Amino acid sequence: MKPDEIRKIEAYLRSKFELPSLQVRARPRKDDSAEVYIGEEFIGVIFRDDEDEDLSWNFQMAILEIDLEEG
């Protein structure tokens, strides 16, 4: 994903989740996705989908059972 695209997605997610510490970072050697962090904690991946005429992004986040036990 391009830097300007990452900045736009990061601003959108920060606003949507009301979470200024959220970061979207480029992935090494991957141009179709970016990593999402809260502070330094990795929480998921955003994938760019431009196969159809409509461009979209898909956010994928795994929630482990141990994560639920911590809360």
N, C-alpha and C. Protein backbone atom coordinates (compact mmCIF):
# COMPACT_ATOMS: atom_id res chain seq x y z
N MET A 1 0.84 -1.17 0.00
CA MET A 1 0.00 0.00 0.00
C MET A 1 0.89 1.24 0.00
N LYS A 2 0.44 2.25 -0.64
CA LYS A 2 1.21 3.50 -0.77
C LYS A 2 1.11 4.32 0.52
N PRO A 3 2.16 5.11 0.82
CA PRO A 3 2.16 5.91 2.05
C PRO A 3 0.94 6.81 2.21
N ASP A 4 0.48 7.46 1.15
CA ASP A 4 -0.69 8.33 1.28
C ASP A 4 -1.96 7.53 1.58
N GLU A 5 -2.06 6.35 1.02
CA GLU A 5 -3.19 5.45 1.28
C GLU A 5 -3.17 5.00 2.75
N ILE A 6 -1.99 4.66 3.25
CA ILE A 6 -1.84 4.25 4.65
C ILE A 6 -2.24 5.39 5.58
N ARG A 7 -1.82 6.60 5.28
CA ARG A 7 -2.18 7.76 6.12
C ARG A 7 -3.69 7.97 6.17
N LYS A 8 -4.35 7.85 5.03
CA LYS A 8 -5.81 8.03 4.98
C LYS A 8 -6.53 6.96 5.79
N ILE A 9 -6.09 5.72 5.66
CA ILE A 9 -6.72 4.62 6.39
C ILE A 9 -6.47 4.78 7.89
N GLU A 10 -5.25 5.17 8.25
CA GLU A 10 -4.93 5.40 9.66
C GLU A 10 -5.82 6.50 10.25
N ALA A 11 -5.98 7.59 9.55
CA ALA A 11 -6.83 8.69 10.03
C ALA A 11 -8.28 8.22 10.18
N TYR A 12 -8.75 7.45 9.22
CA TYR A 12 -10.12 6.93 9.28
C TYR A 12 -10.30 6.04 10.51
N LEU A 13 -9.38 5.08 10.73
CA LEU A 13 -9.51 4.16 11.85
C LEU A 13 -9.37 4.88 13.19
N ARG A 14 -8.46 5.84 13.29
CA ARG A 14 -8.31 6.61 14.52
C ARG A 14 -9.61 7.32 14.87
N SER A 15 -10.23 7.90 13.86
CA SER A 15 -11.49 8.60 14.06
C SER A 15 -12.63 7.63 14.39
N LYS A 16 -12.73 6.57 13.64
CA LYS A 16 -13.82 5.60 13.81
C LYS A 16 -13.78 4.94 15.19
N PHE A 17 -12.59 4.57 15.65
CA PHE A 17 -12.44 3.90 16.94
C PHE A 17 -12.12 4.85 18.08
N GLU A 18 -12.03 6.16 17.77
CA GLU A 18 -11.69 7.17 18.77
C GLU A 18 -10.44 6.75 19.54
N LEU A 19 -9.38 6.44 18.77
CA LEU A 19 -8.16 5.86 19.34
C LEU A 19 -6.93 6.48 18.66
N PRO A 20 -6.44 7.60 19.19
CA PRO A 20 -5.31 8.29 18.56
C PRO A 20 -4.01 7.50 18.57
N SER A 21 -3.89 6.47 19.43
CA SER A 21 -2.66 5.69 19.47
C SER A 21 -2.61 4.60 18.41
N LEU A 22 -3.69 4.44 17.64
CA LEU A 22 -3.72 3.45 16.57
C LEU A 22 -2.77 3.87 15.46
N GLN A 23 -2.01 2.90 14.94
CA GLN A 23 -1.07 3.15 13.85
C GLN A 23 -1.27 2.12 12.75
N VAL A 24 -1.11 2.56 11.51
CA VAL A 24 -1.10 1.65 10.37
C VAL A 24 0.30 1.75 9.77
N ARG A 25 0.96 0.60 9.66
CA ARG A 25 2.35 0.57 9.20
C ARG A 25 2.49 -0.31 7.96
N ALA A 26 3.33 0.13 7.04
CA ALA A 26 3.61 -0.66 5.84
C ALA A 26 4.25 -1.98 6.25
N ARG A 27 4.00 -3.01 5.46
CA ARG A 27 4.60 -4.33 5.71
C ARG A 27 5.83 -4.48 4.81
N PRO A 28 6.90 -5.02 5.35
CA PRO A 28 8.08 -5.25 4.52
C PRO A 28 7.78 -6.25 3.40
N ARG A 29 8.17 -5.94 2.21
CA ARG A 29 8.06 -6.82 1.04
C ARG A 29 6.62 -7.17 0.66
N LYS A 30 5.64 -6.41 1.16
CA LYS A 30 4.23 -6.62 0.79
C LYS A 30 3.65 -5.28 0.36
N ASP A 31 2.98 -5.24 -0.77
CA ASP A 31 2.39 -3.97 -1.22
C ASP A 31 0.86 -4.02 -1.28
N ASP A 32 0.29 -5.14 -0.84
CA ASP A 32 -1.17 -5.28 -0.88
C ASP A 32 -1.81 -5.21 0.50
N SER A 33 -0.99 -4.90 1.54
CA SER A 33 -1.53 -4.91 2.89
C SER A 33 -0.67 -4.05 3.82
N ALA A 34 -1.19 -3.80 5.01
CA ALA A 34 -0.48 -3.03 6.04
C ALA A 34 -0.86 -3.60 7.40
N GLU A 35 0.00 -3.36 8.39
CA GLU A 35 -0.23 -3.86 9.73
C GLU A 35 -0.86 -2.77 10.59
N VAL A 36 -1.72 -3.19 11.53
CA VAL A 36 -2.39 -2.26 12.43
C VAL A 36 -1.90 -2.51 13.86
N TYR A 37 -1.55 -1.43 14.54
CA TYR A 37 -1.05 -1.50 15.91
C TYR A 37 -1.82 -0.53 16.79
N ILE A 38 -1.93 -0.88 18.07
CA ILE A 38 -2.34 0.05 19.10
C ILE A 38 -1.12 0.20 19.98
N GLY A 39 -0.51 1.36 19.96
CA GLY A 39 0.79 1.53 20.60
C GLY A 39 1.78 0.63 19.89
N GLU A 40 2.41 -0.26 20.63
CA GLU A 40 3.36 -1.21 20.04
C GLU A 40 2.77 -2.61 19.88
N GLU A 41 1.48 -2.77 20.22
CA GLU A 41 0.84 -4.08 20.13
C GLU A 41 0.20 -4.29 18.76
N PHE A 42 0.65 -5.32 18.05
CA PHE A 42 0.08 -5.69 16.76
C PHE A 42 -1.32 -6.23 16.99
N ILE A 43 -2.31 -5.70 16.24
CA ILE A 43 -3.68 -6.18 16.41
C ILE A 43 -4.30 -6.76 15.15
N GLY A 44 -3.73 -6.48 13.97
CA GLY A 44 -4.33 -7.04 12.76
C GLY A 44 -3.68 -6.54 11.49
N VAL A 45 -4.30 -6.92 10.38
CA VAL A 45 -3.79 -6.58 9.05
C VAL A 45 -4.93 -6.01 8.20
N ILE A 46 -4.60 -5.01 7.43
CA ILE A 46 -5.55 -4.46 6.44
C ILE A 46 -5.09 -4.90 5.06
N PHE A 47 -5.99 -5.51 4.32
CA PHE A 47 -5.71 -5.97 2.97
C PHE A 47 -6.41 -5.07 1.95
N ARG A 48 -5.69 -4.70 0.92
CA ARG A 48 -6.24 -3.89 -0.17
C ARG A 48 -6.89 -4.82 -1.19
N ASP A 49 -8.12 -4.53 -1.57
CA ASP A 49 -8.86 -5.34 -2.54
C ASP A 49 -9.25 -4.47 -3.72
N ASP A 50 -8.55 -4.65 -4.82
CA ASP A 50 -8.87 -3.87 -6.02
C ASP A 50 -9.13 -4.78 -7.22
N GLU A 51 -9.60 -5.99 -6.95
CA GLU A 51 -9.88 -6.93 -8.03
C GLU A 51 -11.11 -6.53 -8.85
N ASP A 52 -12.11 -5.99 -8.19
CA ASP A 52 -13.30 -5.54 -8.90
C ASP A 52 -13.12 -4.07 -9.26
N GLU A 53 -14.12 -3.47 -9.79
CA GLU A 53 -14.06 -2.05 -10.13
C GLU A 53 -14.08 -1.17 -8.89
N ASP A 54 -14.58 -1.70 -7.77
CA ASP A 54 -14.66 -0.94 -6.52
C ASP A 54 -13.47 -1.26 -5.64
N LEU A 55 -12.70 -0.24 -5.29
CA LEU A 55 -11.57 -0.41 -4.39
C LEU A 55 -12.07 -0.45 -2.95
N SER A 56 -11.56 -1.41 -2.16
CA SER A 56 -11.94 -1.50 -0.76
C SER A 56 -10.76 -2.05 0.04
N TRP A 57 -10.89 -1.98 1.37
CA TRP A 57 -9.87 -2.50 2.27
C TRP A 57 -10.57 -3.37 3.29
N ASN A 58 -9.96 -4.48 3.64
CA ASN A 58 -10.53 -5.41 4.61
C ASN A 58 -9.60 -5.51 5.81
N PHE A 59 -10.17 -5.29 7.00
CA PHE A 59 -9.41 -5.35 8.24
C PHE A 59 -9.63 -6.72 8.88
N GLN A 60 -8.55 -7.44 9.14
CA GLN A 60 -8.63 -8.77 9.74
C GLN A 60 -7.91 -8.76 11.08
N MET A 61 -8.64 -9.16 12.13
CA MET A 61 -8.10 -9.17 13.48
C MET A 61 -8.45 -10.49 14.15
N ALA A 62 -7.45 -11.20 14.62
CA ALA A 62 -7.68 -12.44 15.34
C ALA A 62 -7.78 -12.14 16.83
N ILE A 63 -8.72 -12.76 17.51
CA ILE A 63 -8.87 -12.62 18.96
C ILE A 63 -8.63 -14.00 19.55
N LEU A 64 -7.56 -14.11 20.32
CA LEU A 64 -7.22 -15.38 20.95
C LEU A 64 -7.98 -15.56 22.25
N GLU A 65 -8.24 -16.79 22.62
CA GLU A 65 -8.94 -17.07 23.87
C GLU A 65 -8.20 -16.46 25.06
N ILE A 66 -6.88 -16.51 25.06
CA ILE A 66 -6.09 -15.94 26.15
C ILE A 66 -6.31 -14.44 26.27
N ASP A 67 -6.56 -13.76 25.16
CA ASP A 67 -6.86 -12.33 25.18
C ASP A 67 -8.12 -12.03 25.97
N LEU A 68 -9.12 -12.88 25.83
CA LEU A 68 -10.38 -12.70 26.53
C LEU A 68 -10.24 -12.94 28.03
N GLU A 69 -9.34 -13.82 28.40
CA GLU A 69 -9.12 -14.13 29.81
C GLU A 69 -8.40 -13.00 30.54
N GLU A 70 -7.61 -12.19 29.81
CA GLU A 70 -6.87 -11.10 30.42
C GLU A 70 -7.78 -9.95 30.85
N GLY A 71 -8.92 -9.78 30.15
CA GLY A 71 -9.81 -8.66 30.40
C GLY A 71 -10.72 -8.89 31.51
